[in-house]
């Protein structure tokens, strides 16, 4: 995700040591770790919720498609299934 090398981490640690101080640095690191962990959990929860919503939408779309196919099957003439000729073919043969 982020491309942070050794030297970048070393510079960040030195700056944090200077700004925060050696007494408060362990508590700050602990709090920063907890904050990052909370953010990761939030992102994972949001991702899982979005995946669930997409699955529900896909199920709804599938149900709509099944209903549409069912309606088409109800509208389809039975004579095609039974092997009877179509009216359009009969009209063309008479002309």
PDB file of N, CA and C in Angstrom:
ATOM      1  N   UNK A   1       0.836  -1.171   0.000  1.00  0.00           N
ATOM      2  CA  UNK A   1       0.000   0.000   0.000  1.00  0.00           C
ATOM      3  C   UNK A   1       0.886   1.242   0.000  1.00  0.00           C
ATOM      4  N   UNK A   2       1.621   1.462   1.088  1.00  0.00           N
ATOM      5  CA  UNK A   2       2.569   2.557   1.135  1.00  0.00           C
ATOM      6  C   UNK A   2       3.957   1.977   0.993  1.00  0.00           C
ATOM      7  N   UNK A   3       4.776   2.650   0.236  1.00  0.00           N
ATOM      8  CA  UNK A   3       6.140   2.180   0.039  1.00  0.00           C
ATOM      9  C   UNK A   3       7.051   2.998   0.947  1.00  0.00           C
ATOM     10  N   UNK A   4       7.191   2.534   2.187  1.00  0.00           N
ATOM     11  CA  UNK A   4       8.029   3.229   3.163  1.00  0.00           C
ATOM     12  C   UNK A   4       9.235   2.341   3.442  1.00  0.00           C
ATOM     13  N   UNK A   5      10.397   2.874   3.206  1.00  0.00           N
ATOM     14  CA  UNK A   5      11.621   2.127   3.425  1.00  0.00           C
ATOM     15  C   UNK A   5      12.204   2.380   4.807  1.00  0.00           C
ATOM     16  N   UNK A   6      13.377   1.790   5.016  1.00  0.00           N
ATOM     17  CA  UNK A   6      14.045   1.894   6.307  1.00  0.00           C
ATOM     18  C   UNK A   6      14.388   3.335   6.642  1.00  0.00           C
ATOM     19  N   UNK A   7      14.925   4.085   5.678  1.00  0.00           N
ATOM     20  CA  UNK A   7      15.365   5.449   5.959  1.00  0.00           C
ATOM     21  C   UNK A   7      14.192   6.373   6.268  1.00  0.00           C
ATOM     22  N   UNK A   8      13.065   6.161   5.602  1.00  0.00           N
ATOM     23  CA  UNK A   8      11.888   6.967   5.915  1.00  0.00           C
ATOM     24  C   UNK A   8      11.422   6.702   7.344  1.00  0.00           C
ATOM     25  N   UNK A   9      11.395   5.414   7.746  1.00  0.00           N
ATOM     26  CA  UNK A   9      11.008   5.082   9.112  1.00  0.00           C
ATOM     27  C   UNK A   9      11.990   5.655  10.136  1.00  0.00           C
ATOM     28  N   UNK A  10      13.274   5.617   9.812  1.00  0.00           N
ATOM     29  CA  UNK A  10      14.285   6.154  10.725  1.00  0.00           C
ATOM     30  C   UNK A  10      14.106   7.661  10.903  1.00  0.00           C
ATOM     31  N   UNK A  11      13.854   8.380   9.841  1.00  0.00           N
ATOM     32  CA  UNK A  11      13.644   9.827   9.919  1.00  0.00           C
ATOM     33  C   UNK A  11      12.389  10.146  10.725  1.00  0.00           C
ATOM     34  N   UNK A  12      11.316   9.388  10.489  1.00  0.00           N
ATOM     35  CA  UNK A  12      10.080   9.606  11.251  1.00  0.00           C
ATOM     36  C   UNK A  12      10.319   9.351  12.734  1.00  0.00           C
ATOM     37  N   UNK A  13      11.077   8.295  13.053  1.00  0.00           N
ATOM     38  CA  UNK A  13      11.362   7.977  14.462  1.00  0.00           C
ATOM     39  C   UNK A  13      12.202   9.068  15.117  1.00  0.00           C
ATOM     40  N   UNK A  14      13.184   9.595  14.421  1.00  0.00           N
ATOM     41  CA  UNK A  14      14.022  10.655  14.979  1.00  0.00           C
ATOM     42  C   UNK A  14      13.208  11.919  15.207  1.00  0.00           C
ATOM     43  N   UNK A  15      12.376  12.286  14.243  1.00  0.00           N
ATOM     44  CA  UNK A  15      11.527  13.479  14.390  1.00  0.00           C
ATOM     45  C   UNK A  15      10.548  13.293  15.549  1.00  0.00           C
ATOM     46  N   UNK A  16       9.935  12.087  15.642  1.00  0.00           N
ATOM     47  CA  UNK A  16       9.006  11.819  16.745  1.00  0.00           C
ATOM     48  C   UNK A  16       9.734  11.893  18.081  1.00  0.00           C
ATOM     49  N   UNK A  17      10.945  11.384  18.141  1.00  0.00           N
ATOM     50  CA  UNK A  17      11.724  11.432  19.382  1.00  0.00           C
ATOM     51  C   UNK A  17      12.027  12.870  19.792  1.00  0.00           C
ATOM     52  N   UNK A  18      12.331  13.707  18.823  1.00  0.00           N
ATOM     53  CA  UNK A  18      12.635  15.108  19.114  1.00  0.00           C
ATOM     54  C   UNK A  18      11.370  15.871  19.507  1.00  0.00           C
ATOM     55  N   UNK A  19      10.290  15.690  18.751  1.00  0.00           N
ATOM     56  CA  UNK A  19       9.067  16.452  18.991  1.00  0.00           C
ATOM     57  C   UNK A  19       8.346  15.983  20.249  1.00  0.00           C
ATOM     58  N   UNK A  20       8.175  14.672  20.401  1.00  0.00           N
ATOM     59  CA  UNK A  20       7.381  14.139  21.501  1.00  0.00           C
ATOM     60  C   UNK A  20       8.222  13.982  22.766  1.00  0.00           C
ATOM     61  N   UNK A  21       9.440  13.591  22.614  1.00  0.00           N
ATOM     62  CA  UNK A  21      10.308  13.398  23.777  1.00  0.00           C
ATOM     63  C   UNK A  21      10.402  11.934  24.152  1.00  0.00           C
ATOM     64  N   UNK A  22      11.495  11.550  24.763  1.00  0.00           N
ATOM     65  CA  UNK A  22      11.695  10.135  25.078  1.00  0.00           C
ATOM     66  C   UNK A  22      10.763   9.616  26.173  1.00  0.00           C
ATOM     67  N   UNK A  23      10.241  10.479  27.023  1.00  0.00           N
ATOM     68  CA  UNK A  23       9.358  10.026  28.096  1.00  0.00           C
ATOM     69  C   UNK A  23       7.980   9.628  27.577  1.00  0.00           C
ATOM     70  N   UNK A  24       7.467  10.427  26.655  1.00  0.00           N
ATOM     71  CA  UNK A  24       6.107  10.201  26.155  1.00  0.00           C
ATOM     72  C   UNK A  24       6.069   9.360  24.884  1.00  0.00           C
ATOM     73  N   UNK A  25       7.187   9.032  24.289  1.00  0.00           N
ATOM     74  CA  UNK A  25       7.211   8.298  23.024  1.00  0.00           C
ATOM     75  C   UNK A  25       6.587   6.902  23.128  1.00  0.00           C
ATOM     76  N   UNK A  26       6.863   6.087  24.158  1.00  0.00           N
ATOM     77  CA  UNK A  26       6.222   4.762  24.223  1.00  0.00           C
ATOM     78  C   UNK A  26       4.693   4.838  24.313  1.00  0.00           C
ATOM     79  N   UNK A  27       4.173   5.765  25.110  1.00  0.00           N
ATOM     80  CA  UNK A  27       2.706   5.911  25.202  1.00  0.00           C
ATOM     81  C   UNK A  27       2.131   6.392  23.880  1.00  0.00           C
ATOM     82  N   UNK A  28       2.831   7.319  23.228  1.00  0.00           N
ATOM     83  CA  UNK A  28       2.369   7.803  21.927  1.00  0.00           C
ATOM     84  C   UNK A  28       2.358   6.672  20.893  1.00  0.00           C
ATOM     85  N   UNK A  29       3.403   5.849  20.889  1.00  0.00           N
ATOM     86  CA  UNK A  29       3.457   4.726  19.944  1.00  0.00           C
ATOM     87  C   UNK A  29       2.325   3.741  20.215  1.00  0.00           C
ATOM     88  N   UNK A  30       2.059   3.495  21.495  1.00  0.00           N
ATOM     89  CA  UNK A  30       0.959   2.599  21.863  1.00  0.00           C
ATOM     90  C   UNK A  30      -0.384   3.170  21.396  1.00  0.00           C
ATOM     91  N   UNK A  31      -0.616   4.441  21.650  1.00  0.00           N
ATOM     92  CA  UNK A  31      -1.869   5.087  21.228  1.00  0.00           C
ATOM     93  C   UNK A  31      -1.993   5.134  19.708  1.00  0.00           C
ATOM     94  N   UNK A  32      -0.884   5.385  19.028  1.00  0.00           N
ATOM     95  CA  UNK A  32      -0.914   5.412  17.563  1.00  0.00           C
ATOM     96  C   UNK A  32      -1.240   4.026  17.006  1.00  0.00           C
ATOM     97  N   UNK A  33      -0.690   2.991  17.615  1.00  0.00           N
ATOM     98  CA  UNK A  33      -1.000   1.625  17.191  1.00  0.00           C
ATOM     99  C   UNK A  33      -2.465   1.281  17.389  1.00  0.00           C
ATOM    100  N   UNK A  34      -3.021   1.692  18.524  1.00  0.00           N
ATOM    101  CA  UNK A  34      -4.446   1.457  18.770  1.00  0.00           C
ATOM    102  C   UNK A  34      -5.306   2.210  17.761  1.00  0.00           C
ATOM    103  N   UNK A  35      -4.906   3.454  17.440  1.00  0.00           N
ATOM    104  CA  UNK A  35      -5.653   4.248  16.464  1.00  0.00           C
ATOM    105  C   UNK A  35      -5.624   3.595  15.081  1.00  0.00           C
ATOM    106  N   UNK A  36      -4.458   3.132  14.674  1.00  0.00           N
ATOM    107  CA  UNK A  36      -4.339   2.462  13.368  1.00  0.00           C
ATOM    108  C   UNK A  36      -5.179   1.188  13.357  1.00  0.00           C
ATOM    109  N   UNK A  37      -5.189   0.457  14.477  1.00  0.00           N
ATOM    110  CA  UNK A  37      -5.989  -0.758  14.567  1.00  0.00           C
ATOM    111  C   UNK A  37      -7.480  -0.438  14.449  1.00  0.00           C
ATOM    112  N   UNK A  38      -7.940   0.643  15.078  1.00  0.00           N
ATOM    113  CA  UNK A  38      -9.346   1.050  14.967  1.00  0.00           C
ATOM    114  C   UNK A  38      -9.699   1.407  13.529  1.00  0.00           C
ATOM    115  N   UNK A  39      -8.798   2.104  12.864  1.00  0.00           N
ATOM    116  CA  UNK A  39      -9.043   2.474  11.465  1.00  0.00           C
ATOM    117  C   UNK A  39      -9.126   1.225  10.594  1.00  0.00           C
ATOM    118  N   UNK A  40      -8.233   0.268  10.817  1.00  0.00           N
ATOM    119  CA  UNK A  40      -8.271  -0.982  10.037  1.00  0.00           C
ATOM    120  C   UNK A  40      -9.576  -1.730  10.260  1.00  0.00           C
ATOM    121  N   UNK A  41     -10.024  -1.816  11.518  1.00  0.00           N
ATOM    122  CA  UNK A  41     -11.297  -2.486  11.806  1.00  0.00           C
ATOM    123  C   UNK A  41     -12.456  -1.761  11.127  1.00  0.00           C
ATOM    124  N   UNK A  42     -12.446  -0.424  11.183  1.00  0.00           N
ATOM    125  CA  UNK A  42     -13.510   0.348  10.539  1.00  0.00           C
ATOM    126  C   UNK A  42     -13.544   0.088   9.035  1.00  0.00           C
ATOM    127  N   UNK A  43     -12.378   0.086   8.412  1.00  0.00           N
ATOM    128  CA  UNK A  43     -12.304  -0.147   6.967  1.00  0.00           C
ATOM    129  C   UNK A  43     -12.775  -1.551   6.631  1.00  0.00           C
ATOM    130  N   UNK A  44     -12.357  -2.542   7.410  1.00  0.00           N
ATOM    131  CA  UNK A  44     -12.794  -3.923   7.156  1.00  0.00           C
ATOM    132  C   UNK A  44     -14.296  -4.078   7.343  1.00  0.00           C
ATOM    133  N   UNK A  45     -14.852  -3.437   8.385  1.00  0.00           N
ATOM    134  CA  UNK A  45     -16.301  -3.498   8.587  1.00  0.00           C
ATOM    135  C   UNK A  45     -17.048  -2.838   7.434  1.00  0.00           C
ATOM    136  N   UNK A  46     -16.573  -1.685   6.990  1.00  0.00           N
ATOM    137  CA  UNK A  46     -17.213  -1.004   5.855  1.00  0.00           C
ATOM    138  C   UNK A  46     -17.128  -1.862   4.602  1.00  0.00           C
ATOM    139  N   UNK A  47     -15.983  -2.481   4.389  1.00  0.00           N
ATOM    140  CA  UNK A  47     -15.803  -3.356   3.224  1.00  0.00           C
ATOM    141  C   UNK A  47     -16.762  -4.544   3.281  1.00  0.00           C
ATOM    142  N   UNK A  48     -16.890  -5.161   4.461  1.00  0.00           N
ATOM    143  CA  UNK A  48     -17.808  -6.295   4.609  1.00  0.00           C
ATOM    144  C   UNK A  48     -19.248  -5.875   4.388  1.00  0.00           C
ATOM    145  N   UNK A  49     -19.630  -4.712   4.896  1.00  0.00           N
ATOM    146  CA  UNK A  49     -20.996  -4.227   4.691  1.00  0.00           C
ATOM    147  C   UNK A  49     -21.278  -3.968   3.211  1.00  0.00           C
ATOM    148  N   UNK A  50     -20.311  -3.381   2.520  1.00  0.00           N
ATOM    149  CA  UNK A  50     -20.495  -3.141   1.081  1.00  0.00           C
ATOM    150  C   UNK A  50     -20.615  -4.452   0.313  1.00  0.00           C
ATOM    151  N   UNK A  51     -19.815  -5.436   0.684  1.00  0.00           N
ATOM    152  CA  UNK A  51     -19.900  -6.738   0.015  1.00  0.00           C
ATOM    153  C   UNK A  51     -21.259  -7.385   0.255  1.00  0.00           C
ATOM    154  N   UNK A  52     -21.778  -7.271   1.482  1.00  0.00           N
ATOM    155  CA  UNK A  52     -23.107  -7.821   1.779  1.00  0.00           C
ATOM    156  C   UNK A  52     -24.176  -7.116   0.958  1.00  0.00           C
ATOM    157  N   UNK A  53     -24.086  -5.787   0.849  1.00  0.00           N
ATOM    158  CA  UNK A  53     -25.064  -5.025   0.064  1.00  0.00           C
ATOM    159  C   UNK A  53     -25.015  -5.442  -1.400  1.00  0.00           C
ATOM    160  N   UNK A  54     -23.808  -5.624  -1.924  1.00  0.00           N
ATOM    161  CA  UNK A  54     -23.689  -6.041  -3.320  1.00  0.00           C
ATOM    162  C   UNK A  54     -24.271  -7.428  -3.523  1.00  0.00           C
ATOM    163  N   UNK A  55     -24.079  -8.325  -2.548  1.00  0.00           N
ATOM    164  CA  UNK A  55     -24.665  -9.655  -2.660  1.00  0.00           C
ATOM    165  C   UNK A  55     -26.180  -9.577  -2.654  1.00  0.00           C
ATOM    166  N   UNK A  56     -26.756  -8.721  -1.785  1.00  0.00           N
ATOM    167  CA  UNK A  56     -28.208  -8.559  -1.755  1.00  0.00           C
ATOM    168  C   UNK A  56     -28.714  -7.996  -3.075  1.00  0.00           C
ATOM    169  N   UNK A  57     -27.991  -7.038  -3.635  1.00  0.00           N
ATOM    170  CA  UNK A  57     -28.385  -6.466  -4.920  1.00  0.00           C
ATOM    171  C   UNK A  57     -28.310  -7.515  -6.015  1.00  0.00           C
ATOM    172  N   UNK A  58     -27.295  -8.368  -5.982  1.00  0.00           N
ATOM    173  CA  UNK A  58     -27.173  -9.415  -6.985  1.00  0.00           C
ATOM    174  C   UNK A  58     -28.314 -10.416  -6.848  1.00  0.00           C
ATOM    175  N   UNK A  59     -28.701 -10.743  -5.613  1.00  0.00           N
ATOM    176  CA  UNK A  59     -29.819 -11.662  -5.392  1.00  0.00           C
ATOM    177  C   UNK A  59     -31.108 -11.022  -5.901  1.00  0.00           C
ATOM    178  N   UNK A  60     -31.290  -9.733  -5.619  1.00  0.00           N
ATOM    179  CA  UNK A  60     -32.483  -9.044  -6.116  1.00  0.00           C
ATOM    180  C   UNK A  60     -32.513  -9.014  -7.639  1.00  0.00           C
ATOM    181  N   UNK A  61     -31.371  -8.738  -8.265  1.00  0.00           N
ATOM    182  CA  UNK A  61     -31.303  -8.745  -9.729  1.00  0.00           C
ATOM    183  C   UNK A  61     -31.606 -10.130 -10.280  1.00  0.00           C
ATOM    184  N   UNK A  62     -31.087 -11.159  -9.635  1.00  0.00           N
ATOM    185  CA  UNK A  62     -31.348 -12.529 -10.074  1.00  0.00           C
ATOM    186  C   UNK A  62     -32.826 -12.858  -9.949  1.00  0.00           C
ATOM    187  N   UNK A  63     -33.445 -12.435  -8.847  1.00  0.00           N
ATOM    188  CA  UNK A  63     -34.874 -12.680  -8.664  1.00  0.00           C
ATOM    189  C   UNK A  63     -35.695 -11.948  -9.729  1.00  0.00           C
ATOM    190  N   UNK A  64     -35.309 -10.722 -10.073  1.00  0.00           N
ATOM    191  CA  UNK A  64     -36.004  -9.980 -11.124  1.00  0.00           C
ATOM    192  C   UNK A  64     -35.862 -10.691 -12.464  1.00  0.00           C
ATOM    193  N   UNK A  65     -34.660 -11.206 -12.755  1.00  0.00           N
ATOM    194  CA  UNK A  65     -34.451 -11.930 -14.000  1.00  0.00           C
ATOM    195  C   UNK A  65     -35.289 -13.205 -14.049  1.00  0.00           C
ATOM    196  N   UNK A  66     -35.361 -13.913 -12.932  1.00  0.00           N
ATOM    197  CA  UNK A  66     -36.172 -15.131 -12.881  1.00  0.00           C
ATOM    198  C   UNK A  66     -37.637 -14.795 -13.095  1.00  0.00           C
ATOM    199  N   UNK A  67     -38.112 -13.727 -12.476  1.00  0.00           N
ATOM    200  CA  UNK A  67     -39.511 -13.318 -12.661  1.00  0.00           C
ATOM    201  C   UNK A  67     -39.779 -12.910 -14.108  1.00  0.00           C
ATOM    202  N   UNK A  68     -38.833 -12.213 -14.728  1.00  0.00           N
ATOM    203  CA  UNK A  68     -38.992 -11.800 -16.121  1.00  0.00           C
ATOM    204  C   UNK A  68     -39.050 -13.022 -17.040  1.00  0.00           C
ATOM    205  N   UNK A  69     -38.185 -14.000 -16.803  1.00  0.00           N
ATOM    206  CA  UNK A  69     -38.195 -15.216 -17.618  1.00  0.00           C
ATOM    207  C   UNK A  69     -39.486 -15.986 -17.401  1.00  0.00           C
ATOM    208  N   UNK A  70     -39.957 -16.029 -16.147  1.00  0.00           N
ATOM    209  CA  UNK A  70     -41.214 -16.703 -15.852  1.00  0.00           C
ATOM    210  C   UNK A  70     -42.373 -16.037 -16.586  1.00  0.00           C
ATOM    211  N   UNK A  71     -42.404 -14.707 -16.605  1.00  0.00           N
ATOM    212  CA  UNK A  71     -43.448 -13.995 -17.343  1.00  0.00           C
ATOM    213  C   UNK A  71     -43.372 -14.283 -18.837  1.00  0.00           C
ATOM    214  N   UNK A  72     -42.166 -14.325 -19.385  1.00  0.00           N
ATOM    215  CA  UNK A  72     -42.013 -14.641 -20.801  1.00  0.00           C
ATOM    216  C   UNK A  72     -42.485 -16.054 -21.110  1.00  0.00           C
ATOM    217  N   UNK A  73     -42.207 -16.971 -20.212  1.00  0.00           N
ATOM    218  CA  UNK A  73     -42.654 -18.352 -20.428  1.00  0.00           C
ATOM    219  C   UNK A  73     -44.173 -18.445 -20.382  1.00  0.00           C
ATOM    220  N   UNK A  74     -44.806 -17.642 -19.520  1.00  0.00           N
ATOM    221  CA  UNK A  74     -46.267 -17.645 -19.446  1.00  0.00           C
ATOM    222  C   UNK A  74     -46.874 -17.035 -20.703  1.00  0.00           C
ATOM    223  N   UNK A  75     -46.198 -16.070 -21.311  1.00  0.00           N
ATOM    224  CA  UNK A  75     -46.702 -15.416 -22.512  1.00  0.00           C
ATOM    225  C   UNK A  75     -46.411 -16.211 -23.772  1.00  0.00           C
ATOM    226  N   UNK A  76     -45.440 -17.121 -23.708  1.00  0.00           N
ATOM    227  CA  UNK A  76     -45.045 -17.880 -24.903  1.00  0.00           C
ATOM    228  C   UNK A  76     -46.189 -18.799 -25.319  1.00  0.00           C
ATOM    229  N   UNK A  77     -46.455 -18.866 -26.609  1.00  0.00           N
ATOM    230  CA  UNK A  77     -47.528 -19.757 -27.076  1.00  0.00           C
ATOM    231  C   UNK A  77     -47.138 -21.222 -26.885  1.00  0.00           C
ATOM    232  N   UNK A  78     -48.099 -22.000 -26.437  1.00  0.00           N
ATOM    233  CA  UNK A  78     -47.848 -23.423 -26.196  1.00  0.00           C
ATOM    234  C   UNK A  78     -47.705 -24.199 -27.492  1.00  0.00           C
ATOM    235  N   UNK A  79     -48.238 -23.686 -28.580  1.00  0.00           N
ATOM    236  CA  UNK A  79     -48.184 -24.441 -29.836  1.00  0.00           C
ATOM    237  C   UNK A  79     -46.751 -24.592 -30.343  1.00  0.00           C
ATOM    238  N   UNK A  80     -45.874 -23.669 -30.013  1.00  0.00           N
ATOM    239  CA  UNK A  80     -44.476 -23.805 -30.431  1.00  0.00           C
ATOM    240  C   UNK A  80     -43.855 -24.992 -29.701  1.00  0.00           C
ATOM    241  N   UNK A  81     -44.159 -25.130 -28.437  1.00  0.00           N
ATOM    242  CA  UNK A  81     -43.628 -26.241 -27.659  1.00  0.00           C
ATOM    243  C   UNK A  81     -44.213 -27.561 -28.145  1.00  0.00           C
ATOM    244  N   UNK A  82     -45.504 -27.557 -28.521  1.00  0.00           N
ATOM    245  CA  UNK A  82     -46.163 -28.774 -28.964  1.00  0.00           C
ATOM    246  C   UNK A  82     -45.854 -29.124 -30.412  1.00  0.00           C
ATOM    247  N   UNK A  83     -45.179 -28.289 -31.127  1.00  0.00           N
ATOM    248  CA  UNK A  83     -44.795 -28.576 -32.501  1.00  0.00           C
ATOM    249  C   UNK A  83     -45.803 -28.107 -33.530  1.00  0.00           C
ATOM    250  N   UNK A  84     -46.765 -27.320 -33.151  1.00  0.00           N
ATOM    251  CA  UNK A  84     -47.727 -26.798 -34.104  1.00  0.00           C
ATOM    252  C   UNK A  84     -47.097 -25.634 -34.847  1.00  0.00           C
ATOM    253  N   UNK A  85     -47.460 -25.425 -36.104  1.00  0.00           N
ATOM    254  CA  UNK A  85     -46.853 -24.348 -36.884  1.00  0.00           C
ATOM    255  C   UNK A  85     -47.257 -22.981 -36.336  1.00  0.00           C
ATOM    256  N   UNK A  86     -46.412 -22.030 -36.611  1.00  0.00           N
ATOM    257  CA  UNK A  86     -46.626 -20.655 -36.185  1.00  0.00           C
ATOM    258  C   UNK A  86     -47.588 -19.975 -37.144  1.00  0.00           C
ATOM    259  N   UNK A  87     -48.382 -18.997 -36.683  1.00  0.00           N
ATOM    260  CA  UNK A  87     -49.338 -18.290 -37.519  1.00  0.00           C
ATOM    261  C   UNK A  87     -48.647 -17.533 -38.638  1.00  0.00           C
ATOM    262  N   UNK A  88     -47.480 -16.968 -38.381  1.00  0.00           N
ATOM    263  CA  UNK A  88     -46.762 -16.220 -39.406  1.00  0.00           C
ATOM    264  C   UNK A  88     -46.356 -17.121 -40.563  1.00  0.00           C
ATOM    265  N   UNK A  89     -45.971 -18.348 -40.282  1.00  0.00           N
ATOM    266  CA  UNK A  89     -45.584 -19.285 -41.332  1.00  0.00           C
ATOM    267  C   UNK A  89     -46.794 -19.686 -42.153  1.00  0.00           C
ATOM    268  N   UNK A  90     -47.961 -19.851 -41.484  1.00  0.00           N
ATOM    269  CA  UNK A  90     -49.181 -20.185 -42.209  1.00  0.00           C
ATOM    270  C   UNK A  90     -49.591 -19.068 -43.141  1.00  0.00           C
ATOM    271  N   UNK A  91     -49.463 -17.810 -42.706  1.00  0.00           N
ATOM    272  CA  UNK A  91     -49.838 -16.660 -43.517  1.00  0.00           C
ATOM    273  C   UNK A  91     -48.910 -16.540 -44.721  1.00  0.00           C
ATOM    274  N   UNK A  92     -47.648 -16.808 -44.561  1.00  0.00           N
ATOM    275  CA  UNK A  92     -46.685 -16.721 -45.673  1.00  0.00           C
ATOM    276  C   UNK A  92     -46.946 -17.837 -46.687  1.00  0.00           C
ATOM    277  N   UNK A  93     -47.334 -19.002 -46.231  1.00  0.00           N
ATOM    278  CA  UNK A  93     -47.590 -20.131 -47.129  1.00  0.00           C
ATOM    279  C   UNK A  93     -48.829 -19.887 -47.968  1.00  0.00           C
ATOM    280  N   UNK A  94     -49.830 -19.199 -47.417  1.00  0.00           N
ATOM    281  CA  UNK A  94     -51.064 -18.943 -48.168  1.00  0.00           C
ATOM    282  C   UNK A  94     -50.851 -17.895 -49.239  1.00  0.00           C
ATOM    283  N   UNK A  95     -49.886 -16.989 -49.075  1.00  0.00           N
ATOM    284  CA  UNK A  95     -49.654 -15.910 -50.036  1.00  0.00           C
ATOM    285  C   UNK A  95     -48.950 -16.484 -51.177  1.00  0.00           C
TER     286      UNK A  95
END
